[in-house]
Amino acid sequence: MPTPAALPALGPDDSVSLFDCLKQSLSQDSLVQKSAEAALEQYERRPNFCACLAVSCSSHPAEKVDFRPILDIGISIPGDIEKQASRP
């Protein structure tokens, strides 16, 4: 298994797949949920996870998904990720 430093950093382009993974982790289907949780564990090991997570959740305000059950963490967003995410 690669060390965390060897893993590629998450960026704004990863926010859609991370959001989908978060939604799947709330699935009532245990197989879907377990698969999504395993994928989230992989995301968590990559640099910029918290920033990408914040961008992902804030980029989908129209979707009425309550992530509070799984997002019981404090997040600060580095300015460079915010700027990249706001680019068209």
C-alpha atoms as a PDB file:
ATOM      1  CA  MET A   1       0.000   0.000   0.000  1.00  0.00           C
ATOM      2  CA  PRO A   2       1.434   3.436  -0.892  1.00  0.00           C
ATOM      3  CA  THR A   3       2.285   5.870   1.845  1.00  0.00           C
ATOM      4  CA  PRO A   4      -0.055   8.877   2.272  1.00  0.00           C
ATOM      5  CA  ALA A   5       2.577  11.206   0.814  1.00  0.00           C
ATOM      6  CA  ALA A   6       2.607   9.137  -2.403  1.00  0.00           C
ATOM      7  CA  LEU A   7      -1.152   9.426  -2.940  1.00  0.00           C
ATOM      8  CA  PRO A   8      -2.380  12.153  -5.297  1.00  0.00           C
ATOM      9  CA  ALA A   9      -4.069  15.120  -3.665  1.00  0.00           C
ATOM     10  CA  LEU A  10      -7.781  15.577  -4.113  1.00  0.00           C
ATOM     11  CA  GLY A  11      -8.888  18.627  -6.055  1.00  0.00           C
ATOM     12  CA  PRO A  12     -12.073  20.305  -7.249  1.00  0.00           C
ATOM     13  CA  ASP A  13     -12.447  17.727 -10.023  1.00  0.00           C
ATOM     14  CA  ASP A  14     -12.873  15.019  -7.365  1.00  0.00           C
ATOM     15  CA  SER A  15     -15.759  16.763  -5.607  1.00  0.00           C
ATOM     16  CA  VAL A  16     -18.506  15.175  -7.752  1.00  0.00           C
ATOM     17  CA  SER A  17     -17.306  11.608  -7.211  1.00  0.00           C
ATOM     18  CA  LEU A  18     -16.796  12.293  -3.503  1.00  0.00           C
ATOM     19  CA  PHE A  19     -20.334  13.678  -3.236  1.00  0.00           C
ATOM     20  CA  ASP A  20     -21.751  10.590  -4.963  1.00  0.00           C
ATOM     21  CA  CYS A  21     -19.778   8.390  -2.602  1.00  0.00           C
ATOM     22  CA  LEU A  22     -21.173  10.285   0.393  1.00  0.00           C
ATOM     23  CA  LYS A  23     -24.726   9.827  -0.878  1.00  0.00           C
ATOM     24  CA  GLN A  24     -24.131   6.113  -1.370  1.00  0.00           C
ATOM     25  CA  SER A  25     -22.798   5.800   2.189  1.00  0.00           C
ATOM     26  CA  LEU A  26     -26.303   6.757   3.366  1.00  0.00           C
ATOM     27  CA  SER A  27     -27.943   4.031   1.284  1.00  0.00           C
ATOM     28  CA  GLN A  28     -30.373   1.597   2.874  1.00  0.00           C
ATOM     29  CA  ASP A  29     -28.731  -1.161   0.789  1.00  0.00           C
ATOM     30  CA  SER A  30     -25.956  -2.530   2.991  1.00  0.00           C
ATOM     31  CA  LEU A  31     -23.812  -3.644   0.026  1.00  0.00           C
ATOM     32  CA  VAL A  32     -23.921  -0.166  -1.522  1.00  0.00           C
ATOM     33  CA  GLN A  33     -23.247   1.400   1.865  1.00  0.00           C
ATOM     34  CA  LYS A  34     -20.254  -0.847   2.642  1.00  0.00           C
ATOM     35  CA  SER A  35     -18.752  -0.244  -0.789  1.00  0.00           C
ATOM     36  CA  ALA A  36     -19.133   3.517  -0.371  1.00  0.00           C
ATOM     37  CA  GLU A  37     -17.613   3.412   3.116  1.00  0.00           C
ATOM     38  CA  ALA A  38     -14.605   1.527   1.759  1.00  0.00           C
ATOM     39  CA  ALA A  39     -14.210   4.135  -0.983  1.00  0.00           C
ATOM     40  CA  LEU A  40     -14.470   6.938   1.596  1.00  0.00           C
ATOM     41  CA  GLU A  41     -11.664   5.342   3.579  1.00  0.00           C
ATOM     42  CA  GLN A  42      -9.500   5.602   0.460  1.00  0.00           C
ATOM     43  CA  TYR A  43     -10.499   9.241  -0.063  1.00  0.00           C
ATOM     44  CA  GLU A  44      -9.652  10.039   3.569  1.00  0.00           C
ATOM     45  CA  ARG A  45      -6.054   8.934   3.040  1.00  0.00           C
ATOM     46  CA  ARG A  46      -5.471  11.432   0.249  1.00  0.00           C
ATOM     47  CA  PRO A  47      -4.209  14.968   0.849  1.00  0.00           C
ATOM     48  CA  ASN A  48      -6.834  17.758   0.745  1.00  0.00           C
ATOM     49  CA  PHE A  49      -9.650  15.377   1.754  1.00  0.00           C
ATOM     50  CA  CYS A  50     -11.305  17.831   4.170  1.00  0.00           C
ATOM     51  CA  ALA A  51     -11.121  20.715   1.716  1.00  0.00           C
ATOM     52  CA  CYS A  52     -12.540  18.588  -1.094  1.00  0.00           C
ATOM     53  CA  LEU A  53     -15.261  17.334   1.236  1.00  0.00           C
ATOM     54  CA  ALA A  54     -16.292  20.881   2.102  1.00  0.00           C
ATOM     55  CA  VAL A  55     -16.289  21.938  -1.552  1.00  0.00           C
ATOM     56  CA  SER A  56     -18.236  18.834  -2.513  1.00  0.00           C
ATOM     57  CA  CYS A  57     -20.997  19.392   0.027  1.00  0.00           C
ATOM     58  CA  SER A  58     -21.255  23.121  -0.573  1.00  0.00           C
ATOM     59  CA  SER A  59     -21.330  22.700  -4.356  1.00  0.00           C
ATOM     60  CA  HIS A  60     -24.593  20.751  -4.270  1.00  0.00           C
ATOM     61  CA  PRO A  61     -26.974  22.955  -2.264  1.00  0.00           C
ATOM     62  CA  ALA A  62     -29.977  21.974  -4.393  1.00  0.00           C
ATOM     63  CA  GLU A  63     -29.684  18.360  -3.282  1.00  0.00           C
ATOM     64  CA  LYS A  64     -31.512  17.816  -0.023  1.00  0.00           C
ATOM     65  CA  VAL A  65     -29.073  15.369   1.540  1.00  0.00           C
ATOM     66  CA  ASP A  66     -28.519  15.507   5.280  1.00  0.00           C
ATOM     67  CA  PHE A  67     -24.890  14.527   5.837  1.00  0.00           C
ATOM     68  CA  ARG A  68     -24.902  15.389   9.546  1.00  0.00           C
ATOM     69  CA  PRO A  69     -24.959  11.714  10.576  1.00  0.00           C
ATOM     70  CA  ILE A  70     -21.627  11.095   8.847  1.00  0.00           C
ATOM     71  CA  LEU A  71     -20.008  14.544   8.967  1.00  0.00           C
ATOM     72  CA  ASP A  72     -19.268  15.138  12.597  1.00  0.00           C
ATOM     73  CA  ILE A  73     -15.929  16.847  11.933  1.00  0.00           C
ATOM     74  CA  GLY A  74     -14.546  20.372  11.808  1.00  0.00           C
ATOM     75  CA  ILE A  75     -13.367  21.518   8.384  1.00  0.00           C
ATOM     76  CA  SER A  76     -11.305  24.477   7.273  1.00  0.00           C
ATOM     77  CA  ILE A  77     -10.977  25.205   3.574  1.00  0.00           C
ATOM     78  CA  PRO A  78      -7.603  26.385   2.281  1.00  0.00           C
ATOM     79  CA  GLY A  79      -7.959  29.398   0.005  1.00  0.00           C
ATOM     80  CA  ASP A  80      -6.336  27.723  -2.994  1.00  0.00           C
ATOM     81  CA  ILE A  81      -8.966  24.953  -3.101  1.00  0.00           C
ATOM     82  CA  GLU A  82     -11.793  27.502  -2.793  1.00  0.00           C
ATOM     83  CA  LYS A  83     -10.346  29.512  -5.675  1.00  0.00           C
ATOM     84  CA  GLN A  84      -9.926  26.416  -7.865  1.00  0.00           C
ATOM     85  CA  ALA A  85     -13.464  25.265  -7.087  1.00  0.00           C
ATOM     86  CA  SER A  86     -14.978  28.603  -8.021  1.00  0.00           C
ATOM     87  CA  ARG A  87     -13.433  28.572 -11.495  1.00  0.00           C
ATOM     88  CA  PRO A  88     -15.906  27.859 -14.308  1.00  0.00           C
END
